[in-house]
Amino acid sequence: MAGLRIDFGLLLEPLGFIKVLEWIFSIFAFATCGGFQGETTLLVSCKDVVNKTVTAAFAYPFRLNTVVFSAPDPKHCGGTWTDIYLVGNFSSSAQFFVTLAVLVFLYCIAALVVYIGYKHVYRQNNKFPLTDLAVTVITAFLWLVSTFAWAKALADIKISTGASIIAGIDSCKAPGTTCHFASVTSMRTLNVSVVCIQWHLRGLFY
């Protein structure tokens, strides 16, 4: 019979336990990456301006090349300060990572419903386990690809929003103008998204 029969037994087996872990890690992935908001800050001194804080706010999906620093003053340092944008567009890696996390989240919910409510059907029909195994393998591979891509993008985002950006700002090289890097929002939550998925993949493959 194909009726609903609540049974949590499959969750105690490796198959079900891994699905629960994958569901949890998918939540970490899209919540930490997709919900991130930060800013990088400089201290600028120029004509009639001393240590003025200028900021560039950035967030998911990390199209940094569209993010501009605020001007130090209404006169733009006597005309020496032009619009300054951060460098890099990392939206493809970030969106791939988050989109996959959302899809895995939905798939895990569907799989867990089958495991808990239709274990008897899952066991009796060979097509279900084979399909589930195929999807799990494909998902693991896509996690691997997206995590490496996102890890590389994250490393580049840290560079593009860190102290090294000053060297590429022409306005900071103008006579009488000095720029000092002040701070950047902590990216620990983004690190969590990478570390959690890598730990999960290590468990799947090893």
N, C-alpha and C. Protein backbone atom coordinates (compact mmCIF):
# COMPACT_ATOMS: atom_id res chain seq x y z
N MET A 1 0.84 -1.20 0.00
CA MET A 1 0.00 0.00 0.00
C MET A 1 0.88 1.25 0.00
N ALA A 2 0.40 2.31 -0.63
CA ALA A 2 1.20 3.51 -0.78
C ALA A 2 0.77 4.61 0.18
N GLY A 3 -0.04 4.26 1.21
CA GLY A 3 -0.51 5.28 2.13
C GLY A 3 0.59 5.79 3.04
N LEU A 4 0.31 6.92 3.68
CA LEU A 4 1.28 7.55 4.59
C LEU A 4 1.46 6.70 5.85
N ARG A 5 2.72 6.39 6.19
CA ARG A 5 3.05 5.68 7.41
C ARG A 5 4.27 6.35 8.04
N ILE A 6 4.05 7.05 9.10
CA ILE A 6 5.15 7.77 9.76
C ILE A 6 6.14 6.79 10.38
N ASP A 7 7.38 6.89 9.96
CA ASP A 7 8.44 6.02 10.47
C ASP A 7 9.77 6.76 10.35
N PHE A 8 10.40 7.04 11.49
CA PHE A 8 11.66 7.79 11.50
C PHE A 8 12.89 6.87 11.44
N GLY A 9 12.66 5.60 11.20
CA GLY A 9 13.76 4.64 11.21
C GLY A 9 14.84 4.94 10.19
N LEU A 10 14.44 5.38 9.00
CA LEU A 10 15.42 5.63 7.94
C LEU A 10 16.36 6.79 8.28
N LEU A 11 15.90 7.69 9.15
CA LEU A 11 16.75 8.83 9.54
C LEU A 11 17.92 8.38 10.40
N LEU A 12 17.80 7.20 11.02
CA LEU A 12 18.88 6.68 11.85
C LEU A 12 19.92 5.93 11.04
N GLU A 13 19.60 5.69 9.77
CA GLU A 13 20.55 5.05 8.88
C GLU A 13 21.39 6.11 8.18
N PRO A 14 22.57 5.74 7.63
CA PRO A 14 23.45 6.74 6.97
C PRO A 14 22.74 7.55 5.89
N LEU A 15 21.89 6.89 5.12
CA LEU A 15 21.18 7.58 4.04
C LEU A 15 20.36 8.75 4.57
N GLY A 16 19.55 8.49 5.59
CA GLY A 16 18.70 9.55 6.14
C GLY A 16 19.49 10.57 6.92
N PHE A 17 20.50 10.11 7.68
CA PHE A 17 21.30 11.02 8.49
C PHE A 17 22.06 12.02 7.61
N ILE A 18 22.60 11.53 6.48
CA ILE A 18 23.31 12.42 5.56
C ILE A 18 22.36 13.45 4.95
N LYS A 19 21.12 13.02 4.67
CA LYS A 19 20.14 13.97 4.11
C LYS A 19 19.84 15.08 5.12
N VAL A 20 19.75 14.73 6.39
CA VAL A 20 19.50 15.74 7.42
C VAL A 20 20.67 16.73 7.47
N LEU A 21 21.90 16.19 7.44
CA LEU A 21 23.08 17.06 7.45
C LEU A 21 23.10 17.96 6.22
N GLU A 22 22.78 17.40 5.07
CA GLU A 22 22.78 18.17 3.83
C GLU A 22 21.73 19.27 3.89
N TRP A 23 20.60 18.98 4.48
CA TRP A 23 19.54 19.98 4.64
C TRP A 23 20.02 21.13 5.54
N ILE A 24 20.69 20.79 6.64
CA ILE A 24 21.20 21.80 7.57
C ILE A 24 22.27 22.66 6.90
N PHE A 25 23.18 22.03 6.18
CA PHE A 25 24.27 22.76 5.54
C PHE A 25 23.76 23.65 4.42
N SER A 26 22.70 23.22 3.74
CA SER A 26 22.14 24.07 2.69
C SER A 26 21.56 25.34 3.29
N ILE A 27 20.97 25.24 4.48
CA ILE A 27 20.45 26.42 5.16
C ILE A 27 21.59 27.37 5.51
N PHE A 28 22.68 26.81 6.06
CA PHE A 28 23.85 27.63 6.37
C PHE A 28 24.35 28.34 5.12
N ALA A 29 24.39 27.63 4.01
CA ALA A 29 24.95 28.17 2.78
C ALA A 29 24.18 29.39 2.28
N PHE A 30 22.86 29.24 2.08
CA PHE A 30 22.14 30.38 1.51
C PHE A 30 21.85 31.47 2.54
N ALA A 31 21.83 31.12 3.82
CA ALA A 31 21.58 32.14 4.83
C ALA A 31 22.81 33.02 5.05
N THR A 32 23.99 32.40 5.13
CA THR A 32 25.21 33.17 5.40
C THR A 32 25.66 33.95 4.19
N CYS A 33 25.58 33.35 3.01
CA CYS A 33 26.04 34.04 1.80
C CYS A 33 24.99 35.00 1.28
N GLY A 34 23.77 34.52 1.11
CA GLY A 34 22.72 35.35 0.53
C GLY A 34 22.28 36.51 1.39
N GLY A 35 22.50 36.41 2.70
CA GLY A 35 22.07 37.49 3.59
C GLY A 35 23.18 38.45 4.00
N PHE A 36 24.36 38.31 3.39
CA PHE A 36 25.50 39.12 3.84
C PHE A 36 25.39 40.57 3.36
N GLN A 37 25.74 41.49 4.26
CA GLN A 37 25.87 42.91 3.94
C GLN A 37 27.09 43.46 4.66
N GLY A 38 27.91 44.22 3.96
CA GLY A 38 29.12 44.76 4.59
C GLY A 38 29.53 46.08 3.96
N GLU A 39 30.58 46.64 4.48
CA GLU A 39 31.12 47.87 3.91
C GLU A 39 32.61 47.96 4.21
N THR A 40 33.31 48.63 3.32
CA THR A 40 34.73 48.90 3.53
C THR A 40 34.90 50.41 3.70
N THR A 41 35.80 50.82 4.58
CA THR A 41 35.90 52.22 4.99
C THR A 41 37.32 52.74 4.85
N LEU A 42 37.43 53.97 4.34
CA LEU A 42 38.71 54.66 4.23
C LEU A 42 38.64 55.97 4.99
N LEU A 43 39.80 56.44 5.44
CA LEU A 43 39.93 57.78 6.02
C LEU A 43 40.67 58.65 5.01
N VAL A 44 40.04 59.73 4.58
CA VAL A 44 40.59 60.57 3.52
C VAL A 44 40.87 61.96 4.06
N SER A 45 42.05 62.46 3.74
CA SER A 45 42.41 63.84 4.05
C SER A 45 42.79 64.52 2.74
N CYS A 46 42.17 65.68 2.50
CA CYS A 46 42.47 66.43 1.27
C CYS A 46 42.20 67.91 1.55
N LYS A 47 41.98 68.69 0.54
CA LYS A 47 41.78 70.12 0.70
C LYS A 47 40.59 70.41 1.62
N ASP A 48 40.88 71.07 2.74
CA ASP A 48 39.87 71.47 3.73
C ASP A 48 39.16 70.28 4.37
N VAL A 49 39.70 69.10 4.24
CA VAL A 49 39.10 67.89 4.81
C VAL A 49 40.18 67.10 5.55
N VAL A 50 39.87 66.69 6.79
CA VAL A 50 40.83 65.93 7.57
C VAL A 50 40.17 64.64 8.07
N ASN A 51 40.77 63.53 7.69
CA ASN A 51 40.29 62.20 8.14
C ASN A 51 38.77 62.03 8.01
N LYS A 52 38.29 62.32 6.83
CA LYS A 52 36.87 62.12 6.55
C LYS A 52 36.63 60.65 6.22
N THR A 53 35.62 60.05 6.83
CA THR A 53 35.31 58.64 6.57
C THR A 53 34.49 58.52 5.30
N VAL A 54 34.99 57.70 4.37
CA VAL A 54 34.23 57.40 3.15
C VAL A 54 33.99 55.89 3.13
N THR A 55 32.83 55.49 2.72
CA THR A 55 32.47 54.06 2.77
C THR A 55 31.94 53.58 1.42
N ALA A 56 32.08 52.27 1.21
CA ALA A 56 31.49 51.60 0.06
C ALA A 56 30.76 50.38 0.60
N ALA A 57 29.44 50.39 0.50
CA ALA A 57 28.62 49.28 1.03
C ALA A 57 28.43 48.23 -0.06
N PHE A 58 28.65 46.97 0.30
CA PHE A 58 28.50 45.88 -0.66
C PHE A 58 27.71 44.75 -0.01
N ALA A 59 27.13 43.92 -0.85
CA ALA A 59 26.29 42.81 -0.36
C ALA A 59 26.15 41.77 -1.46
N TYR A 60 25.50 40.65 -1.11
CA TYR A 60 25.17 39.64 -2.11
C TYR A 60 24.35 40.29 -3.21
N PRO A 61 24.61 40.05 -4.49
CA PRO A 61 25.46 39.01 -5.06
C PRO A 61 26.89 39.47 -5.37
N PHE A 62 27.38 40.50 -4.72
CA PHE A 62 28.78 40.91 -4.80
C PHE A 62 29.20 41.39 -6.18
N ARG A 63 28.38 42.27 -6.74
CA ARG A 63 28.79 42.98 -7.95
C ARG A 63 29.57 44.22 -7.50
N LEU A 64 30.80 44.01 -7.10
CA LEU A 64 31.59 45.09 -6.50
C LEU A 64 31.88 46.22 -7.48
N ASN A 65 31.92 45.90 -8.76
CA ASN A 65 32.22 46.94 -9.75
C ASN A 65 31.09 47.96 -9.88
N THR A 66 29.98 47.75 -9.21
CA THR A 66 28.89 48.74 -9.23
C THR A 66 28.83 49.52 -7.91
N VAL A 67 29.75 49.21 -6.99
CA VAL A 67 29.75 49.84 -5.67
C VAL A 67 30.72 51.01 -5.66
N VAL A 68 30.24 52.19 -5.31
CA VAL A 68 31.06 53.40 -5.34
C VAL A 68 31.27 53.93 -3.92
N PHE A 69 32.46 54.47 -3.69
CA PHE A 69 32.74 55.10 -2.40
C PHE A 69 32.01 56.44 -2.31
N SER A 70 31.57 56.77 -1.12
CA SER A 70 30.98 58.09 -0.89
C SER A 70 32.06 59.15 -1.05
N ALA A 71 31.66 60.38 -1.37
CA ALA A 71 32.63 61.47 -1.55
C ALA A 71 33.02 62.05 -0.19
N PRO A 72 34.28 62.48 -0.02
CA PRO A 72 34.71 63.04 1.26
C PRO A 72 33.97 64.32 1.66
N ASP A 73 33.57 65.10 0.67
CA ASP A 73 32.89 66.36 0.94
C ASP A 73 32.13 66.79 -0.30
N PRO A 74 31.22 67.75 -0.18
CA PRO A 74 30.42 68.17 -1.33
C PRO A 74 31.25 68.69 -2.51
N LYS A 75 32.44 69.23 -2.21
CA LYS A 75 33.30 69.77 -3.28
C LYS A 75 34.26 68.73 -3.84
N HIS A 76 34.12 67.50 -3.38
CA HIS A 76 34.97 66.41 -3.88
C HIS A 76 36.45 66.76 -3.80
N CYS A 77 36.87 67.23 -2.65
CA CYS A 77 38.28 67.56 -2.42
C CYS A 77 38.81 68.54 -3.46
N GLY A 78 38.04 69.60 -3.70
CA GLY A 78 38.48 70.61 -4.67
C GLY A 78 38.53 70.11 -6.09
N GLY A 79 37.78 69.06 -6.38
CA GLY A 79 37.72 68.53 -7.74
C GLY A 79 38.71 67.42 -8.01
N THR A 80 39.49 67.02 -7.00
CA THR A 80 40.48 65.95 -7.22
C THR A 80 39.90 64.56 -6.95
N TRP A 81 38.72 64.51 -6.35
CA TRP A 81 38.12 63.22 -6.00
C TRP A 81 37.07 62.85 -7.03
N THR A 82 37.29 61.77 -7.74
CA THR A 82 36.32 61.28 -8.72
C THR A 82 35.64 60.03 -8.17
N ASP A 83 34.57 59.61 -8.85
CA ASP A 83 33.87 58.41 -8.40
C ASP A 83 34.82 57.21 -8.40
N ILE A 84 34.85 56.51 -7.27
CA ILE A 84 35.75 55.37 -7.10
C ILE A 84 34.91 54.12 -6.85
N TYR A 85 35.10 53.14 -7.70
CA TYR A 85 34.36 51.89 -7.60
C TYR A 85 35.27 50.77 -7.09
N LEU A 86 34.67 49.84 -6.40
CA LEU A 86 35.40 48.63 -6.05
C LEU A 86 35.63 47.80 -7.31
N VAL A 87 36.48 46.82 -7.21
CA VAL A 87 36.87 46.04 -8.39
C VAL A 87 36.31 44.62 -8.31
N GLY A 88 35.73 44.16 -9.41
CA GLY A 88 35.33 42.77 -9.50
C GLY A 88 33.83 42.53 -9.48
N ASN A 89 33.41 41.54 -10.24
CA ASN A 89 32.01 41.11 -10.25
C ASN A 89 32.00 39.61 -9.94
N PHE A 90 31.56 39.27 -8.73
CA PHE A 90 31.60 37.88 -8.28
C PHE A 90 30.20 37.28 -8.16
N SER A 91 29.27 37.88 -8.90
CA SER A 91 27.87 37.47 -8.78
C SER A 91 27.63 36.05 -9.30
N SER A 92 28.35 35.65 -10.35
CA SER A 92 28.10 34.33 -10.93
C SER A 92 28.41 33.22 -9.93
N SER A 93 29.56 33.32 -9.25
CA SER A 93 29.94 32.30 -8.27
C SER A 93 29.00 32.33 -7.07
N ALA A 94 28.68 33.54 -6.58
CA ALA A 94 27.82 33.66 -5.41
C ALA A 94 26.41 33.16 -5.70
N GLN A 95 25.87 33.52 -6.86
CA GLN A 95 24.51 33.11 -7.20
C GLN A 95 24.42 31.62 -7.49
N PHE A 96 25.45 31.07 -8.10
CA PHE A 96 25.50 29.62 -8.33
C PHE A 96 25.47 28.88 -7.00
N PHE A 97 26.27 29.36 -6.05
CA PHE A 97 26.36 28.74 -4.73
C PHE A 97 25.02 28.82 -3.99
N VAL A 98 24.42 29.99 -3.97
CA VAL A 98 23.17 30.18 -3.24
C VAL A 98 22.01 29.46 -3.91
N THR A 99 21.94 29.53 -5.24
CA THR A 99 20.87 28.85 -5.96
C THR A 99 20.92 27.35 -5.73
N LEU A 100 22.14 26.78 -5.78
CA LEU A 100 22.29 25.35 -5.52
C LEU A 100 21.85 25.02 -4.10
N ALA A 101 22.21 25.88 -3.16
CA ALA A 101 21.84 25.65 -1.76
C ALA A 101 20.32 25.62 -1.60
N VAL A 102 19.63 26.52 -2.27
CA VAL A 102 18.16 26.55 -2.19
C VAL A 102 17.56 25.29 -2.81
N LEU A 103 18.09 24.88 -3.97
CA LEU A 103 17.58 23.67 -4.62
C LEU A 103 17.83 22.43 -3.77
N VAL A 104 19.01 22.36 -3.16
CA VAL A 104 19.32 21.22 -2.29
C VAL A 104 18.41 21.23 -1.07
N PHE A 105 18.15 22.41 -0.53
CA PHE A 105 17.23 22.55 0.60
C PHE A 105 15.86 21.97 0.26
N LEU A 106 15.34 22.33 -0.90
CA LEU A 106 14.01 21.84 -1.31
C LEU A 106 14.04 20.34 -1.58
N TYR A 107 15.12 19.88 -2.22
CA TYR A 107 15.23 18.44 -2.51
C TYR A 107 15.30 17.63 -1.22
N CYS A 108 16.07 18.11 -0.26
CA CYS A 108 16.21 17.39 1.02
C CYS A 108 14.88 17.31 1.75
N ILE A 109 14.10 18.38 1.71
CA ILE A 109 12.78 18.34 2.34
C ILE A 109 11.91 17.26 1.69
N ALA A 110 11.93 17.23 0.34
CA ALA A 110 11.13 16.23 -0.37
C ALA A 110 11.61 14.82 -0.03
N ALA A 111 12.94 14.63 0.01
CA ALA A 111 13.50 13.31 0.31
C ALA A 111 13.16 12.88 1.74
N LEU A 112 13.24 13.81 2.67
CA LEU A 112 12.95 13.48 4.06
C LEU A 112 11.47 13.14 4.26
N VAL A 113 10.60 13.79 3.51
CA VAL A 113 9.17 13.46 3.57
C VAL A 113 8.96 12.02 3.11
N VAL A 114 9.65 11.63 2.05
CA VAL A 114 9.54 10.25 1.54
C VAL A 114 10.11 9.27 2.57
N TYR A 115 11.28 9.61 3.13
CA TYR A 115 11.91 8.72 4.10
C TYR A 115 11.01 8.48 5.32
N ILE A 116 10.40 9.57 5.80
CA ILE A 116 9.62 9.48 7.03
C ILE A 116 8.22 8.93 6.79
N GLY A 117 7.58 9.38 5.73
CA GLY A 117 6.18 9.01 5.52
C GLY A 117 5.94 7.86 4.57
N TYR A 118 6.93 7.58 3.70
CA TYR A 118 6.71 6.55 2.68
C TYR A 118 7.91 5.61 2.58
N LYS A 119 8.45 5.26 3.73
CA LYS A 119 9.61 4.36 3.77
C LYS A 119 9.28 3.02 3.12
N HIS A 120 8.07 2.54 3.35
CA HIS A 120 7.68 1.24 2.79
C HIS A 120 7.65 1.27 1.27
N VAL A 121 7.21 2.39 0.71
CA VAL A 121 7.19 2.52 -0.75
C VAL A 121 8.62 2.65 -1.29
N TYR A 122 9.43 3.40 -0.58
CA TYR A 122 10.83 3.60 -0.97
C TYR A 122 11.57 2.27 -1.02
N ARG A 123 11.31 1.42 -0.03
CA ARG A 123 11.99 0.12 0.05
C ARG A 123 11.50 -0.86 -1.01
N GLN A 124 10.22 -0.77 -1.37
CA GLN A 124 9.63 -1.75 -2.27
C GLN A 124 9.89 -1.45 -3.75
N ASN A 125 10.14 -0.19 -4.07
CA ASN A 125 10.33 0.21 -5.47
C ASN A 125 11.81 0.52 -5.70
N ASN A 126 12.46 -0.27 -6.54
CA ASN A 126 13.90 -0.08 -6.78
C ASN A 126 14.23 1.23 -7.48
N LYS A 127 13.26 1.80 -8.18
CA LYS A 127 13.52 3.04 -8.90
C LYS A 127 13.78 4.21 -7.95
N PHE A 128 13.13 4.23 -6.81
CA PHE A 128 13.30 5.32 -5.86
C PHE A 128 14.72 5.38 -5.30
N PRO A 129 15.28 4.26 -4.78
CA PRO A 129 16.65 4.31 -4.27
C PRO A 129 17.67 4.67 -5.33
N LEU A 130 17.50 4.15 -6.56
CA LEU A 130 18.45 4.45 -7.63
C LEU A 130 18.39 5.92 -8.02
N THR A 131 17.17 6.45 -8.11
CA THR A 131 17.02 7.87 -8.43
C THR A 131 17.60 8.74 -7.33
N ASP A 132 17.33 8.35 -6.09
CA ASP A 132 17.84 9.10 -4.94
C ASP A 132 19.36 9.09 -4.93
N LEU A 133 19.95 7.94 -5.21
CA LEU A 133 21.41 7.83 -5.24
C LEU A 133 22.00 8.69 -6.34
N ALA A 134 21.38 8.68 -7.51
CA ALA A 134 21.87 9.48 -8.64
C ALA A 134 21.83 10.96 -8.31
N VAL A 135 20.71 11.39 -7.73
CA VAL A 135 20.57 12.81 -7.37
C VAL A 135 21.59 13.19 -6.29
N THR A 136 21.82 12.30 -5.34
CA THR A 136 22.79 12.57 -4.27
C THR A 136 24.19 12.73 -4.84
N VAL A 137 24.57 11.87 -5.77
CA VAL A 137 25.90 11.95 -6.38
C VAL A 137 26.05 13.24 -7.18
N ILE A 138 25.03 13.55 -7.97
CA ILE A 138 25.07 14.79 -8.77
C ILE A 138 25.13 16.01 -7.85
N THR A 139 24.35 15.98 -6.79
CA THR A 139 24.33 17.10 -5.83
C THR A 139 25.70 17.27 -5.19
N ALA A 140 26.33 16.16 -4.79
CA ALA A 140 27.65 16.23 -4.17
C ALA A 140 28.66 16.84 -5.13
N PHE A 141 28.58 16.45 -6.40
CA PHE A 141 29.50 17.00 -7.40
C PHE A 141 29.28 18.50 -7.58
N LEU A 142 28.01 18.90 -7.68
CA LEU A 142 27.71 20.32 -7.85
C LEU A 142 28.12 21.12 -6.62
N TRP A 143 27.94 20.52 -5.42
CA TRP A 143 28.41 21.19 -4.20
C TRP A 143 29.91 21.43 -4.29
N LEU A 144 30.64 20.41 -4.75
CA LEU A 144 32.09 20.52 -4.85
C LEU A 144 32.49 21.65 -5.79
N VAL A 145 31.88 21.68 -6.96
CA VAL A 145 32.19 22.71 -7.95
C VAL A 145 31.83 24.10 -7.43
N SER A 146 30.62 24.24 -6.91
CA SER A 146 30.16 25.56 -6.46
C SER A 146 30.95 26.06 -5.25
N THR A 147 31.35 25.13 -4.38
CA THR A 147 32.10 25.53 -3.18
C THR A 147 33.48 26.02 -3.55
N PHE A 148 34.15 25.32 -4.46
CA PHE A 148 35.47 25.78 -4.90
C PHE A 148 35.37 27.14 -5.60
N ALA A 149 34.34 27.30 -6.44
CA ALA A 149 34.15 28.58 -7.13
C ALA A 149 33.88 29.70 -6.14
N TRP A 150 33.02 29.42 -5.15
CA TRP A 150 32.68 30.43 -4.16
C TRP A 150 33.86 30.74 -3.24
N ALA A 151 34.64 29.72 -2.89
CA ALA A 151 35.82 29.95 -2.05
C ALA A 151 36.82 30.87 -2.75
N LYS A 152 37.03 30.63 -4.06
CA LYS A 152 37.92 31.50 -4.84
C LYS A 152 37.36 32.92 -4.91
N ALA A 153 36.06 33.03 -5.16
CA ALA A 153 35.42 34.35 -5.22
C ALA A 153 35.54 35.08 -3.88
N LEU A 154 35.35 34.35 -2.79
CA LEU A 154 35.43 34.96 -1.46
C LEU A 154 36.83 35.50 -1.20
N ALA A 155 37.86 34.74 -1.59
CA ALA A 155 39.24 35.21 -1.42
C ALA A 155 39.46 36.50 -2.21
N ASP A 156 38.89 36.57 -3.42
CA ASP A 156 39.04 37.77 -4.24
C ASP A 156 38.24 38.94 -3.67
N ILE A 157 37.08 38.64 -3.09
CA ILE A 157 36.28 39.70 -2.46
C ILE A 157 37.04 40.33 -1.29
N LYS A 158 37.72 39.51 -0.52
CA LYS A 158 38.51 40.02 0.61
C LYS A 158 39.62 40.94 0.12
N ILE A 159 40.23 40.58 -1.01
CA ILE A 159 41.29 41.43 -1.57
C ILE A 159 40.69 42.72 -2.10
N SER A 160 39.55 42.62 -2.79
CA SER A 160 38.93 43.80 -3.42
C SER A 160 38.34 44.77 -2.42
N THR A 161 38.14 44.35 -1.18
CA THR A 161 37.58 45.23 -0.16
C THR A 161 38.58 45.51 0.96
N GLY A 162 39.80 45.00 0.83
CA GLY A 162 40.80 45.15 1.88
C GLY A 162 41.72 46.34 1.66
N ALA A 163 42.79 46.38 2.45
CA ALA A 163 43.71 47.53 2.45
C ALA A 163 44.40 47.74 1.11
N SER A 164 44.53 46.69 0.32
CA SER A 164 45.25 46.80 -0.96
C SER A 164 44.53 47.68 -1.98
N ILE A 165 43.27 48.00 -1.74
CA ILE A 165 42.52 48.81 -2.72
C ILE A 165 43.07 50.22 -2.84
N ILE A 166 43.73 50.73 -1.81
CA ILE A 166 44.22 52.11 -1.84
C ILE A 166 45.22 52.32 -2.95
N ALA A 167 46.05 51.32 -3.21
CA ALA A 167 47.08 51.45 -4.24
C ALA A 167 46.48 51.70 -5.62
N GLY A 168 45.24 51.27 -5.85
CA GLY A 168 44.62 51.44 -7.16
C GLY A 168 43.71 52.65 -7.27
N ILE A 169 43.66 53.49 -6.25
CA ILE A 169 42.77 54.67 -6.26
C ILE A 169 43.57 55.90 -6.68
N ASP A 170 43.33 56.39 -7.89
CA ASP A 170 44.07 57.54 -8.41
C ASP A 170 43.84 58.80 -7.58
N SER A 171 42.62 58.96 -7.08
CA SER A 171 42.32 60.18 -6.30
C SER A 171 43.16 60.25 -5.03
N CYS A 172 43.55 59.10 -4.50
CA CYS A 172 44.37 59.09 -3.29
C CYS A 172 45.82 59.49 -3.58
N LYS A 173 46.17 59.53 -4.88
CA LYS A 173 47.53 59.90 -5.28
C LYS A 173 47.64 61.38 -5.65
N ALA A 174 46.51 62.08 -5.62
CA ALA A 174 46.52 63.50 -5.99
C ALA A 174 47.31 64.31 -4.97
N PRO A 175 47.98 65.38 -5.40
CA PRO A 175 48.75 66.22 -4.47
C PRO A 175 47.88 66.73 -3.32
N GLY A 176 48.36 66.56 -2.10
CA GLY A 176 47.64 67.04 -0.93
C GLY A 176 46.58 66.09 -0.42
N THR A 177 46.45 64.94 -1.06
CA THR A 177 45.42 63.95 -0.65
C THR A 177 46.09 62.69 -0.11
N THR A 178 45.62 62.24 1.03
CA THR A 178 46.12 60.98 1.59
C THR A 178 44.92 60.11 1.98
N CYS A 179 45.09 58.81 1.81
CA CYS A 179 44.03 57.86 2.16
C CYS A 179 44.62 56.77 3.05
N HIS A 180 43.87 56.41 4.07
CA HIS A 180 44.27 55.33 4.95
C HIS A 180 43.11 54.34 5.06
N PHE A 181 43.45 53.07 5.00
CA PHE A 181 42.42 52.05 5.15
C PHE A 181 41.97 52.02 6.60
N ALA A 182 40.66 52.04 6.83
CA ALA A 182 40.13 52.06 8.20
C ALA A 182 39.64 50.67 8.62
N SER A 183 38.70 50.11 7.88
CA SER A 183 38.15 48.82 8.29
C SER A 183 37.31 48.23 7.17
N VAL A 184 36.99 46.94 7.33
CA VAL A 184 36.05 46.26 6.45
C VAL A 184 35.24 45.32 7.34
N THR A 185 33.99 45.15 7.00
CA THR A 185 33.11 44.28 7.77
C THR A 185 33.67 42.86 7.83
N SER A 186 33.62 42.26 8.99
CA SER A 186 34.09 40.89 9.16
C SER A 186 33.33 39.94 8.23
N MET A 187 34.06 39.04 7.63
CA MET A 187 33.46 38.07 6.72
C MET A 187 33.45 36.67 7.32
N ARG A 188 33.38 36.61 8.63
CA ARG A 188 33.36 35.30 9.28
C ARG A 188 32.16 34.47 8.85
N THR A 189 31.02 35.11 8.66
CA THR A 189 29.84 34.34 8.25
C THR A 189 30.03 33.74 6.86
N LEU A 190 30.72 34.47 5.98
CA LEU A 190 31.00 33.92 4.66
C LEU A 190 31.98 32.76 4.75
N ASN A 191 32.93 32.87 5.66
CA ASN A 191 33.86 31.76 5.88
C ASN A 191 33.10 30.51 6.33
N VAL A 192 32.08 30.73 7.17
CA VAL A 192 31.28 29.61 7.67
C VAL A 192 30.61 28.88 6.52
N SER A 193 30.11 29.62 5.53
CA SER A 193 29.43 28.99 4.40
C SER A 193 30.36 28.06 3.65
N VAL A 194 31.62 28.44 3.54
CA VAL A 194 32.59 27.61 2.82
C VAL A 194 33.03 26.42 3.67
N VAL A 195 33.37 26.69 4.93
CA VAL A 195 33.89 25.64 5.81
C VAL A 195 32.85 24.55 6.05
N CYS A 196 31.61 24.93 6.28
CA CYS A 196 30.56 23.94 6.54
C CYS A 196 30.36 23.01 5.36
N ILE A 197 30.30 23.57 4.16
CA ILE A 197 30.08 22.74 2.98
C ILE A 197 31.29 21.86 2.71
N GLN A 198 32.51 22.38 2.92
CA GLN A 198 33.70 21.56 2.71
C GLN A 198 33.73 20.40 3.69
N TRP A 199 33.32 20.67 4.94
CA TRP A 199 33.27 19.60 5.94
C TRP A 199 32.25 18.54 5.54
N HIS A 200 31.12 19.01 5.05
CA HIS A 200 30.07 18.08 4.62
C HIS A 200 30.54 17.23 3.44
N LEU A 201 31.22 17.86 2.47
CA LEU A 201 31.70 17.11 1.31
C LEU A 201 32.76 16.10 1.71
N ARG A 202 33.59 16.47 2.67
CA ARG A 202 34.61 15.54 3.13
C ARG A 202 33.94 14.29 3.73
N GLY A 203 32.83 14.51 4.42
CA GLY A 203 32.10 13.38 4.99
C GLY A 203 31.47 12.50 3.91
N LEU A 204 31.03 13.11 2.82
CA LEU A 204 30.40 12.34 1.75
C LEU A 204 31.42 11.51 0.99
N PHE A 205 32.58 12.09 0.73
CA PHE A 205 33.56 11.44 -0.14
C PHE A 205 34.51 10.53 0.62
N TYR A 206 34.65 10.78 1.92
CA TYR A 206 35.62 9.98 2.68
C TYR A 206 34.95 9.19 3.78
